[in-house]
N, C-alpha and C. Protein backbone atom coordinates (compact mmCIF):
# COMPACT_ATOMS: atom_id res chain seq x y z
N MET A 1 9.92 8.57 10.99
CA MET A 1 8.73 7.88 10.49
C MET A 1 8.73 6.46 11.05
N LEU A 2 7.57 6.00 11.42
CA LEU A 2 7.44 4.66 11.92
C LEU A 2 7.67 3.63 10.83
N VAL A 3 8.27 2.53 11.18
CA VAL A 3 8.45 1.43 10.26
C VAL A 3 7.18 0.56 10.34
N PRO A 4 6.50 0.35 9.23
CA PRO A 4 5.26 -0.43 9.27
C PRO A 4 5.49 -1.85 9.81
N ARG A 5 4.58 -2.30 10.66
CA ARG A 5 4.62 -3.66 11.18
C ARG A 5 3.30 -4.35 10.89
N THR A 6 3.35 -5.26 9.97
CA THR A 6 2.21 -6.07 9.63
C THR A 6 2.71 -7.33 8.92
N GLU A 7 2.00 -8.42 9.09
CA GLU A 7 2.33 -9.63 8.35
C GLU A 7 1.85 -9.53 6.90
N HIS A 8 0.86 -8.69 6.68
CA HIS A 8 0.26 -8.53 5.35
C HIS A 8 1.07 -7.52 4.54
N LEU A 9 2.13 -8.02 3.92
CA LEU A 9 3.04 -7.20 3.13
C LEU A 9 2.83 -7.45 1.64
N PRO A 10 3.27 -6.51 0.81
CA PRO A 10 3.09 -6.67 -0.62
C PRO A 10 4.15 -7.60 -1.22
N ALA A 11 3.69 -8.39 -2.18
CA ALA A 11 4.60 -9.20 -2.99
C ALA A 11 4.91 -8.37 -4.24
N ARG A 12 6.16 -8.05 -4.39
CA ARG A 12 6.54 -7.26 -5.57
C ARG A 12 7.04 -8.19 -6.65
N PRO A 13 6.70 -7.95 -7.89
CA PRO A 13 6.14 -6.74 -8.45
C PRO A 13 4.60 -6.77 -8.64
N SER A 14 3.94 -7.81 -8.14
CA SER A 14 2.48 -7.92 -8.37
C SER A 14 1.67 -7.03 -7.48
N TRP A 15 2.19 -6.68 -6.32
CA TRP A 15 1.48 -5.88 -5.32
C TRP A 15 0.23 -6.57 -4.82
N ASP A 16 0.31 -7.88 -4.69
CA ASP A 16 -0.71 -8.66 -4.02
C ASP A 16 -0.16 -9.00 -2.62
N CYS A 17 -1.04 -9.20 -1.68
CA CYS A 17 -0.62 -9.50 -0.30
C CYS A 17 0.04 -10.86 -0.23
N LEU A 18 1.15 -10.92 0.49
CA LEU A 18 1.88 -12.19 0.66
C LEU A 18 1.09 -13.21 1.48
N VAL A 19 0.20 -12.75 2.35
CA VAL A 19 -0.53 -13.64 3.23
C VAL A 19 -1.86 -14.09 2.63
N CYS A 20 -2.67 -13.12 2.18
CA CYS A 20 -4.03 -13.46 1.72
C CYS A 20 -4.20 -13.39 0.20
N ASP A 21 -3.18 -12.95 -0.52
CA ASP A 21 -3.17 -12.91 -1.99
C ASP A 21 -4.18 -11.95 -2.58
N ARG A 22 -4.67 -11.00 -1.78
CA ARG A 22 -5.55 -9.95 -2.31
C ARG A 22 -4.71 -8.74 -2.70
N SER A 23 -5.31 -7.83 -3.42
CA SER A 23 -4.58 -6.60 -3.79
C SER A 23 -4.09 -5.90 -2.52
N TRP A 24 -2.83 -5.52 -2.52
CA TRP A 24 -2.25 -4.85 -1.38
C TRP A 24 -2.39 -3.35 -1.54
N PRO A 25 -2.74 -2.61 -0.50
CA PRO A 25 -2.94 -3.07 0.85
C PRO A 25 -4.30 -3.72 1.02
N CYS A 26 -4.32 -4.91 1.53
CA CYS A 26 -5.53 -5.65 1.79
C CYS A 26 -6.21 -5.07 3.04
N ALA A 27 -7.37 -5.54 3.35
CA ALA A 27 -8.12 -5.03 4.51
C ALA A 27 -7.32 -5.18 5.81
N ASN A 28 -6.62 -6.32 5.95
CA ASN A 28 -5.83 -6.53 7.17
C ASN A 28 -4.63 -5.57 7.24
N ALA A 29 -3.97 -5.36 6.12
CA ALA A 29 -2.85 -4.41 6.12
C ALA A 29 -3.35 -3.00 6.44
N LYS A 30 -4.48 -2.61 5.87
CA LYS A 30 -5.03 -1.27 6.16
C LYS A 30 -5.35 -1.14 7.64
N SER A 31 -5.95 -2.15 8.21
CA SER A 31 -6.28 -2.11 9.64
C SER A 31 -5.02 -2.03 10.50
N ASP A 32 -4.04 -2.85 10.19
CA ASP A 32 -2.79 -2.85 10.94
C ASP A 32 -2.08 -1.50 10.83
N LEU A 33 -1.99 -0.96 9.62
CA LEU A 33 -1.31 0.28 9.40
C LEU A 33 -2.06 1.46 10.04
N ALA A 34 -3.38 1.46 9.91
CA ALA A 34 -4.15 2.54 10.52
C ALA A 34 -3.98 2.54 12.04
N GLY A 35 -3.95 1.39 12.65
CA GLY A 35 -3.72 1.32 14.08
C GLY A 35 -2.34 1.78 14.49
N GLN A 36 -1.35 1.35 13.73
CA GLN A 36 0.01 1.71 14.06
C GLN A 36 0.26 3.20 13.89
N TYR A 37 -0.32 3.80 12.87
CA TYR A 37 -0.10 5.21 12.57
C TYR A 37 -1.22 6.11 13.14
N GLU A 38 -2.01 5.59 14.03
CA GLU A 38 -3.15 6.34 14.54
C GLU A 38 -2.76 7.74 15.08
N ARG A 39 -1.67 7.82 15.74
CA ARG A 39 -1.20 9.09 16.27
C ARG A 39 -0.40 9.91 15.28
N PHE A 40 -0.10 9.33 14.10
CA PHE A 40 0.72 9.99 13.11
C PHE A 40 0.12 9.86 11.71
N PRO A 41 -1.11 10.37 11.50
CA PRO A 41 -1.77 10.16 10.21
C PRO A 41 -1.03 10.75 9.03
N ALA A 42 -0.31 11.85 9.21
CA ALA A 42 0.45 12.42 8.10
C ALA A 42 1.56 11.47 7.66
N ASN A 43 2.17 10.78 8.64
CA ASN A 43 3.21 9.81 8.29
C ASN A 43 2.65 8.62 7.52
N LEU A 44 1.42 8.21 7.87
CA LEU A 44 0.78 7.13 7.12
C LEU A 44 0.55 7.57 5.66
N ALA A 45 0.09 8.80 5.49
CA ALA A 45 -0.12 9.29 4.11
C ALA A 45 1.18 9.36 3.34
N ILE A 46 2.25 9.79 3.99
CA ILE A 46 3.55 9.84 3.33
C ILE A 46 4.03 8.43 2.95
N TYR A 47 3.90 7.50 3.91
CA TYR A 47 4.31 6.12 3.63
C TYR A 47 3.51 5.54 2.48
N MET A 48 2.19 5.70 2.52
CA MET A 48 1.37 5.10 1.47
C MET A 48 1.62 5.74 0.11
N ALA A 49 1.89 7.04 0.08
CA ALA A 49 2.23 7.70 -1.19
C ALA A 49 3.55 7.15 -1.74
N SER A 50 4.50 6.89 -0.85
CA SER A 50 5.78 6.36 -1.32
C SER A 50 5.65 4.94 -1.85
N VAL A 51 4.85 4.11 -1.19
CA VAL A 51 4.70 2.74 -1.71
C VAL A 51 3.84 2.74 -2.97
N MET A 52 2.91 3.69 -3.09
CA MET A 52 2.15 3.79 -4.33
C MET A 52 3.08 4.11 -5.49
N TYR A 53 4.05 5.01 -5.25
CA TYR A 53 5.02 5.34 -6.27
C TYR A 53 5.80 4.06 -6.69
N ASP A 54 6.20 3.27 -5.71
CA ASP A 54 6.90 2.00 -6.02
C ASP A 54 5.98 1.07 -6.82
N ALA A 55 4.72 1.01 -6.46
CA ALA A 55 3.77 0.15 -7.17
C ALA A 55 3.61 0.60 -8.62
N VAL A 56 3.54 1.89 -8.83
CA VAL A 56 3.43 2.41 -10.23
C VAL A 56 4.62 1.95 -11.04
N GLU A 57 5.82 2.06 -10.46
CA GLU A 57 7.03 1.62 -11.19
C GLU A 57 6.96 0.13 -11.49
N ASP A 58 6.61 -0.69 -10.50
CA ASP A 58 6.56 -2.14 -10.71
C ASP A 58 5.47 -2.54 -11.70
N LEU A 59 4.30 -1.96 -11.54
CA LEU A 59 3.15 -2.39 -12.33
C LEU A 59 3.17 -1.88 -13.78
N THR A 60 4.03 -0.89 -14.06
CA THR A 60 4.14 -0.37 -15.43
C THR A 60 5.47 -0.74 -16.09
N ALA A 61 6.29 -1.53 -15.38
CA ALA A 61 7.63 -1.89 -15.90
C ALA A 61 7.59 -2.67 -17.21
N THR A 62 6.50 -3.37 -17.46
CA THR A 62 6.36 -4.16 -18.68
C THR A 62 5.65 -3.38 -19.77
N GLY A 63 5.41 -2.08 -19.58
CA GLY A 63 4.78 -1.27 -20.59
C GLY A 63 3.26 -1.18 -20.44
N GLU A 64 2.73 -1.78 -19.39
CA GLU A 64 1.29 -1.70 -19.14
C GLU A 64 0.95 -0.29 -18.68
N PRO A 65 -0.29 0.16 -18.94
CA PRO A 65 -0.71 1.47 -18.42
C PRO A 65 -0.83 1.42 -16.90
N THR A 66 -0.76 2.57 -16.27
CA THR A 66 -0.92 2.65 -14.83
C THR A 66 -2.32 2.22 -14.44
N PRO A 67 -2.47 1.26 -13.54
CA PRO A 67 -3.80 0.83 -13.10
C PRO A 67 -4.60 2.01 -12.54
N ALA A 68 -5.85 2.08 -12.92
CA ALA A 68 -6.72 3.21 -12.55
C ALA A 68 -7.09 3.23 -11.07
N ASP A 69 -6.94 2.10 -10.38
CA ASP A 69 -7.40 2.02 -8.99
C ASP A 69 -6.35 2.32 -7.95
N LEU A 70 -5.17 2.75 -8.34
CA LEU A 70 -4.08 2.90 -7.36
C LEU A 70 -4.38 3.95 -6.31
N TYR A 71 -4.97 5.08 -6.66
CA TYR A 71 -5.30 6.08 -5.64
C TYR A 71 -6.25 5.47 -4.63
N GLU A 72 -7.27 4.80 -5.09
CA GLU A 72 -8.23 4.19 -4.16
C GLU A 72 -7.55 3.15 -3.27
N ARG A 73 -6.71 2.34 -3.85
CA ARG A 73 -6.03 1.31 -3.07
C ARG A 73 -5.09 1.87 -2.04
N PHE A 74 -4.29 2.85 -2.40
CA PHE A 74 -3.20 3.30 -1.55
C PHE A 74 -3.50 4.53 -0.71
N LEU A 75 -4.34 5.44 -1.18
CA LEU A 75 -4.46 6.69 -0.46
C LEU A 75 -5.89 7.06 -0.03
N ALA A 76 -6.90 6.67 -0.73
CA ALA A 76 -8.26 7.14 -0.44
C ALA A 76 -8.70 6.75 0.97
N TRP A 77 -8.23 5.67 1.51
CA TRP A 77 -8.65 5.18 2.82
C TRP A 77 -7.87 5.81 3.97
N VAL A 78 -6.77 6.48 3.65
CA VAL A 78 -5.95 7.11 4.69
C VAL A 78 -6.70 8.31 5.25
N GLY A 79 -6.94 8.31 6.55
CA GLY A 79 -7.81 9.29 7.18
C GLY A 79 -7.20 10.55 7.52
């Protein structure tokens, strides 16, 4: 599996972008990741599913419910 290369990385445990402070993956991270994984779309889906799992753990660690937008944020855009 390719190791993602982008400056737009998530700040844990908030899952906001370290560079632009938007919800991660931000538009720049999506663009960077889509380009990097262009030849390996299944690997991008696997990577994004794994980081979504990490986000669920981080975002619910304080007892909060799972945010409803996680599928849209992490997987819906993966082609």
